[in-house]
Amino acid sequence: MVIAFIVPYVGLRMMIPQDVSLVEGIYFVDNFSSPFNLSGLLFGVISLYFSYLLCNDEGKTLIRKYMFFSIPYLVMIAMVGLFWEVRLFIPLILTGFIFASYQFKNTISA
């Protein structure tokens, strides 16, 4: 999977020359010192915890595994993203709600 990402990425970077960098800067310290960024982080954590509470035991295990494999994404958010941009947490939040709703569909009897 890594090679499937790197080969097209390098090919596109070589074919389309640009004088821009991939990131604007490293915001790791700013993310944990600004009240706006901390409020965005709090929103993300509360939303994920809410979806975690909605799941049964199987769903909770699935979310824990998903969050473990999402660690690289979370590290990149902390380093080059800003926590107040809550759109960065939306993929994780939506996936958590999908896990929760999937488990609810299995418990509803028709």
N, C-alpha and C. Protein backbone atom coordinates (compact mmCIF):
# COMPACT_ATOMS: atom_id res chain seq x y z
N MET A 1 0.81 -1.19 0.00
CA MET A 1 0.00 0.00 0.00
C MET A 1 0.86 1.26 0.00
N VAL A 2 1.99 1.19 0.68
CA VAL A 2 2.88 2.34 0.72
C VAL A 2 3.41 2.64 -0.68
N ILE A 3 3.82 1.60 -1.37
CA ILE A 3 4.34 1.78 -2.73
C ILE A 3 3.24 2.30 -3.65
N ALA A 4 1.98 1.82 -3.45
CA ALA A 4 0.87 2.29 -4.27
C ALA A 4 0.61 3.78 -4.05
N PHE A 5 0.99 4.31 -2.93
CA PHE A 5 0.86 5.75 -2.69
C PHE A 5 2.07 6.52 -3.19
N ILE A 6 3.26 6.01 -2.90
CA ILE A 6 4.49 6.75 -3.19
C ILE A 6 4.74 6.88 -4.69
N VAL A 7 4.54 5.83 -5.47
CA VAL A 7 4.84 5.88 -6.91
C VAL A 7 4.01 6.95 -7.62
N PRO A 8 2.67 6.97 -7.49
CA PRO A 8 1.93 8.04 -8.17
C PRO A 8 2.25 9.42 -7.61
N TYR A 9 2.50 9.51 -6.31
CA TYR A 9 2.81 10.80 -5.70
C TYR A 9 4.11 11.37 -6.27
N VAL A 10 5.15 10.56 -6.29
CA VAL A 10 6.43 11.02 -6.83
C VAL A 10 6.29 11.33 -8.31
N GLY A 11 5.56 10.49 -9.05
CA GLY A 11 5.35 10.73 -10.48
C GLY A 11 4.65 12.06 -10.73
N LEU A 12 3.61 12.34 -9.95
CA LEU A 12 2.90 13.61 -10.12
C LEU A 12 3.77 14.80 -9.72
N ARG A 13 4.55 14.66 -8.68
CA ARG A 13 5.43 15.75 -8.25
C ARG A 13 6.50 16.04 -9.31
N MET A 14 6.94 15.00 -10.01
CA MET A 14 7.96 15.19 -11.05
C MET A 14 7.33 15.77 -12.32
N MET A 15 6.10 15.36 -12.64
CA MET A 15 5.45 15.84 -13.87
C MET A 15 4.90 17.25 -13.72
N ILE A 16 4.46 17.61 -12.53
CA ILE A 16 3.88 18.93 -12.30
C ILE A 16 4.78 19.68 -11.32
N PRO A 17 5.78 20.39 -11.82
CA PRO A 17 6.68 21.09 -10.90
C PRO A 17 5.96 22.25 -10.21
N GLN A 18 6.21 22.38 -8.92
CA GLN A 18 5.61 23.43 -8.13
C GLN A 18 6.67 24.01 -7.21
N ASP A 19 6.52 25.28 -6.91
CA ASP A 19 7.43 25.94 -5.99
C ASP A 19 6.80 26.12 -4.62
N VAL A 20 5.98 25.18 -4.22
CA VAL A 20 5.32 25.25 -2.93
C VAL A 20 5.71 24.05 -2.10
N SER A 21 5.59 24.20 -0.79
CA SER A 21 5.89 23.08 0.09
C SER A 21 4.60 22.33 0.39
N LEU A 22 4.73 21.17 0.98
CA LEU A 22 3.58 20.36 1.31
C LEU A 22 2.83 20.89 2.52
N VAL A 23 3.52 21.56 3.41
CA VAL A 23 2.89 22.09 4.62
C VAL A 23 3.28 23.56 4.79
N GLU A 24 2.43 24.30 5.46
CA GLU A 24 2.73 25.70 5.72
C GLU A 24 3.69 25.86 6.88
N GLY A 25 3.64 24.95 7.81
CA GLY A 25 4.51 25.04 8.97
C GLY A 25 4.18 23.93 9.96
N ILE A 26 4.96 23.87 11.02
CA ILE A 26 4.74 22.91 12.09
C ILE A 26 4.02 23.64 13.22
N TYR A 27 2.83 23.16 13.56
CA TYR A 27 1.99 23.84 14.55
C TYR A 27 1.81 23.03 15.83
N PHE A 28 2.73 22.13 16.12
CA PHE A 28 2.57 21.24 17.26
C PHE A 28 2.42 22.01 18.57
N VAL A 29 3.31 22.96 18.82
CA VAL A 29 3.26 23.74 20.07
C VAL A 29 2.02 24.63 20.09
N ASP A 30 1.70 25.24 18.95
CA ASP A 30 0.52 26.12 18.89
C ASP A 30 -0.77 25.36 19.17
N ASN A 31 -0.84 24.11 18.74
CA ASN A 31 -2.05 23.32 18.94
C ASN A 31 -2.35 23.09 20.41
N PHE A 32 -1.32 22.99 21.22
CA PHE A 32 -1.53 22.70 22.64
C PHE A 32 -1.40 23.93 23.53
N SER A 33 -1.25 25.11 22.93
CA SER A 33 -1.14 26.33 23.74
C SER A 33 -2.25 27.34 23.47
N SER A 34 -2.89 27.27 22.32
CA SER A 34 -3.94 28.22 21.97
C SER A 34 -5.30 27.72 22.47
N PRO A 35 -6.10 28.58 23.09
CA PRO A 35 -7.42 28.14 23.55
C PRO A 35 -8.34 27.74 22.40
N PHE A 36 -8.20 28.38 21.24
CA PHE A 36 -9.02 28.00 20.09
C PHE A 36 -8.68 26.59 19.63
N ASN A 37 -7.40 26.28 19.57
CA ASN A 37 -6.99 24.94 19.15
C ASN A 37 -7.39 23.89 20.18
N LEU A 38 -7.28 24.23 21.44
CA LEU A 38 -7.68 23.28 22.49
C LEU A 38 -9.19 23.03 22.46
N SER A 39 -9.96 24.06 22.12
CA SER A 39 -11.41 23.84 22.01
C SER A 39 -11.74 22.92 20.83
N GLY A 40 -11.01 23.03 19.73
CA GLY A 40 -11.20 22.12 18.60
C GLY A 40 -10.83 20.70 18.96
N LEU A 41 -9.73 20.54 19.71
CA LEU A 41 -9.33 19.21 20.17
C LEU A 41 -10.38 18.63 21.11
N LEU A 42 -10.92 19.46 21.99
CA LEU A 42 -11.96 19.02 22.90
C LEU A 42 -13.20 18.56 22.13
N PHE A 43 -13.57 19.29 21.08
CA PHE A 43 -14.69 18.88 20.24
C PHE A 43 -14.44 17.51 19.63
N GLY A 44 -13.25 17.29 19.09
CA GLY A 44 -12.93 16.01 18.47
C GLY A 44 -12.96 14.87 19.47
N VAL A 45 -12.39 15.09 20.65
CA VAL A 45 -12.35 14.04 21.67
C VAL A 45 -13.75 13.71 22.17
N ILE A 46 -14.56 14.75 22.45
CA ILE A 46 -15.92 14.51 22.94
C ILE A 46 -16.76 13.80 21.88
N SER A 47 -16.63 14.19 20.63
CA SER A 47 -17.40 13.54 19.55
C SER A 47 -17.02 12.08 19.41
N LEU A 48 -15.72 11.79 19.44
CA LEU A 48 -15.29 10.39 19.34
C LEU A 48 -15.74 9.58 20.55
N TYR A 49 -15.67 10.19 21.73
CA TYR A 49 -16.10 9.49 22.93
C TYR A 49 -17.61 9.22 22.90
N PHE A 50 -18.38 10.18 22.37
CA PHE A 50 -19.83 10.00 22.25
C PHE A 50 -20.15 8.82 21.32
N SER A 51 -19.47 8.74 20.18
CA SER A 51 -19.71 7.61 19.28
C SER A 51 -19.24 6.30 19.92
N TYR A 52 -18.19 6.37 20.74
CA TYR A 52 -17.70 5.19 21.45
C TYR A 52 -18.74 4.70 22.44
N LEU A 53 -19.40 5.63 23.14
CA LEU A 53 -20.42 5.24 24.11
C LEU A 53 -21.65 4.62 23.46
N LEU A 54 -21.94 5.00 22.22
CA LEU A 54 -23.11 4.47 21.53
C LEU A 54 -22.95 3.03 21.08
N CYS A 55 -21.71 2.55 21.02
CA CYS A 55 -21.45 1.20 20.50
C CYS A 55 -21.60 0.16 21.60
N ASN A 56 -21.86 -1.07 21.15
CA ASN A 56 -21.81 -2.19 22.08
C ASN A 56 -20.35 -2.65 22.18
N ASP A 57 -20.10 -3.77 22.83
CA ASP A 57 -18.72 -4.22 23.07
C ASP A 57 -17.96 -4.48 21.78
N GLU A 58 -18.61 -5.07 20.78
CA GLU A 58 -17.93 -5.34 19.50
C GLU A 58 -17.58 -4.03 18.80
N GLY A 59 -18.50 -3.08 18.83
CA GLY A 59 -18.24 -1.78 18.21
C GLY A 59 -17.14 -1.02 18.92
N LYS A 60 -17.10 -1.13 20.25
CA LYS A 60 -16.04 -0.45 21.01
C LYS A 60 -14.67 -1.03 20.66
N THR A 61 -14.62 -2.34 20.52
CA THR A 61 -13.36 -2.96 20.12
C THR A 61 -12.95 -2.50 18.73
N LEU A 62 -13.91 -2.41 17.83
CA LEU A 62 -13.63 -1.96 16.47
C LEU A 62 -13.14 -0.51 16.45
N ILE A 63 -13.74 0.36 17.25
CA ILE A 63 -13.31 1.77 17.31
C ILE A 63 -11.91 1.87 17.91
N ARG A 64 -11.62 1.08 18.94
CA ARG A 64 -10.27 1.11 19.53
C ARG A 64 -9.22 0.70 18.49
N LYS A 65 -9.51 -0.34 17.73
CA LYS A 65 -8.57 -0.77 16.68
C LYS A 65 -8.45 0.29 15.60
N TYR A 66 -9.56 0.90 15.22
CA TYR A 66 -9.55 1.95 14.20
C TYR A 66 -8.73 3.15 14.67
N MET A 67 -8.90 3.53 15.93
CA MET A 67 -8.13 4.66 16.47
C MET A 67 -6.64 4.32 16.53
N PHE A 68 -6.31 3.08 16.83
CA PHE A 68 -4.91 2.69 16.85
C PHE A 68 -4.28 2.85 15.47
N PHE A 69 -4.98 2.39 14.45
CA PHE A 69 -4.44 2.50 13.10
C PHE A 69 -4.55 3.92 12.54
N SER A 70 -5.29 4.79 13.23
CA SER A 70 -5.39 6.20 12.83
C SER A 70 -4.33 7.07 13.48
N ILE A 71 -3.46 6.49 14.27
CA ILE A 71 -2.43 7.27 14.96
C ILE A 71 -1.58 8.10 14.00
N PRO A 72 -1.14 7.59 12.85
CA PRO A 72 -0.38 8.46 11.93
C PRO A 72 -1.17 9.68 11.48
N TYR A 73 -2.45 9.51 11.22
CA TYR A 73 -3.30 10.63 10.83
C TYR A 73 -3.41 11.64 11.97
N LEU A 74 -3.59 11.16 13.19
CA LEU A 74 -3.70 12.05 14.34
C LEU A 74 -2.39 12.80 14.61
N VAL A 75 -1.28 12.13 14.40
CA VAL A 75 0.02 12.79 14.58
C VAL A 75 0.20 13.89 13.54
N MET A 76 -0.21 13.61 12.30
CA MET A 76 -0.09 14.64 11.26
C MET A 76 -1.02 15.82 11.53
N ILE A 77 -2.21 15.56 12.07
CA ILE A 77 -3.09 16.66 12.44
C ILE A 77 -2.40 17.52 13.50
N ALA A 78 -1.80 16.88 14.48
CA ALA A 78 -1.15 17.63 15.56
C ALA A 78 0.06 18.41 15.06
N MET A 79 0.76 17.90 14.07
CA MET A 79 1.98 18.56 13.62
C MET A 79 1.71 19.66 12.60
N VAL A 80 0.91 19.38 11.57
CA VAL A 80 0.79 20.35 10.48
C VAL A 80 -0.63 20.90 10.32
N GLY A 81 -1.58 20.38 11.05
CA GLY A 81 -2.94 20.90 11.00
C GLY A 81 -3.21 21.75 12.23
N LEU A 82 -4.33 22.39 12.23
CA LEU A 82 -4.76 23.17 13.39
C LEU A 82 -5.99 22.51 13.97
N PHE A 83 -5.99 22.31 15.28
CA PHE A 83 -7.10 21.61 15.92
C PHE A 83 -8.42 22.35 15.78
N TRP A 84 -8.40 23.66 15.65
CA TRP A 84 -9.67 24.39 15.53
C TRP A 84 -10.34 24.12 14.19
N GLU A 85 -9.63 23.56 13.24
CA GLU A 85 -10.24 23.13 11.98
C GLU A 85 -10.88 21.77 12.21
N VAL A 86 -12.09 21.79 12.72
CA VAL A 86 -12.73 20.54 13.12
C VAL A 86 -13.00 19.62 11.94
N ARG A 87 -12.90 20.15 10.72
CA ARG A 87 -13.09 19.29 9.54
C ARG A 87 -12.05 18.18 9.50
N LEU A 88 -10.93 18.36 10.16
CA LEU A 88 -9.90 17.33 10.17
C LEU A 88 -10.33 16.11 10.99
N PHE A 89 -11.23 16.32 11.95
CA PHE A 89 -11.71 15.22 12.78
C PHE A 89 -12.94 14.53 12.18
N ILE A 90 -13.54 15.12 11.16
CA ILE A 90 -14.79 14.60 10.61
C ILE A 90 -14.66 13.15 10.11
N PRO A 91 -13.58 12.76 9.41
CA PRO A 91 -13.50 11.33 9.00
C PRO A 91 -13.55 10.37 10.18
N LEU A 92 -12.89 10.72 11.27
CA LEU A 92 -12.90 9.85 12.44
C LEU A 92 -14.27 9.84 13.11
N ILE A 93 -14.89 11.00 13.21
CA ILE A 93 -16.20 11.10 13.86
C ILE A 93 -17.26 10.35 13.05
N LEU A 94 -17.27 10.56 11.74
CA LEU A 94 -18.26 9.87 10.91
C LEU A 94 -18.08 8.36 10.95
N THR A 95 -16.84 7.92 10.95
CA THR A 95 -16.60 6.48 11.03
C THR A 95 -17.08 5.92 12.36
N GLY A 96 -16.86 6.67 13.43
CA GLY A 96 -17.37 6.24 14.73
C GLY A 96 -18.88 6.11 14.75
N PHE A 97 -19.57 7.08 14.14
CA PHE A 97 -21.03 7.00 14.09
C PHE A 97 -21.50 5.87 13.17
N ILE A 98 -20.76 5.58 12.13
CA ILE A 98 -21.11 4.46 11.26
C ILE A 98 -20.98 3.15 12.03
N PHE A 99 -19.90 3.01 12.81
CA PHE A 99 -19.75 1.81 13.64
C PHE A 99 -20.90 1.70 14.62
N ALA A 100 -21.28 2.82 15.22
CA ALA A 100 -22.37 2.79 16.21
C ALA A 100 -23.69 2.45 15.54
N SER A 101 -23.99 3.05 14.41
CA SER A 101 -25.27 2.79 13.76
C SER A 101 -25.33 1.37 13.21
N TYR A 102 -24.22 0.85 12.77
CA TYR A 102 -24.19 -0.52 12.29
C TYR A 102 -24.55 -1.49 13.41
N GLN A 103 -24.03 -1.23 14.58
CA GLN A 103 -24.34 -2.10 15.71
C GLN A 103 -25.81 -1.98 16.11
N PHE A 104 -26.38 -0.78 16.01
CA PHE A 104 -27.79 -0.61 16.34
C PHE A 104 -28.69 -1.32 15.35
N LYS A 105 -28.33 -1.35 14.10
CA LYS A 105 -29.13 -2.05 13.10
C LYS A 105 -29.18 -3.54 13.40
N ASN A 106 -28.11 -4.07 13.97
CA ASN A 106 -28.10 -5.49 14.29
C ASN A 106 -28.97 -5.81 15.50
N THR A 107 -29.24 -4.82 16.36
CA THR A 107 -30.02 -5.10 17.57
C THR A 107 -31.50 -4.83 17.40
N ILE A 108 -31.91 -4.12 16.34
CA ILE A 108 -33.33 -3.84 16.13
C ILE A 108 -34.00 -5.05 15.46
N SER A 109 -35.04 -5.52 16.09
CA SER A 109 -35.74 -6.67 15.50
C SER A 109 -36.93 -6.17 14.70
N ALA A 110 -37.13 -6.76 13.55
CA ALA A 110 -38.21 -6.31 12.66
C ALA A 110 -39.47 -7.12 12.85
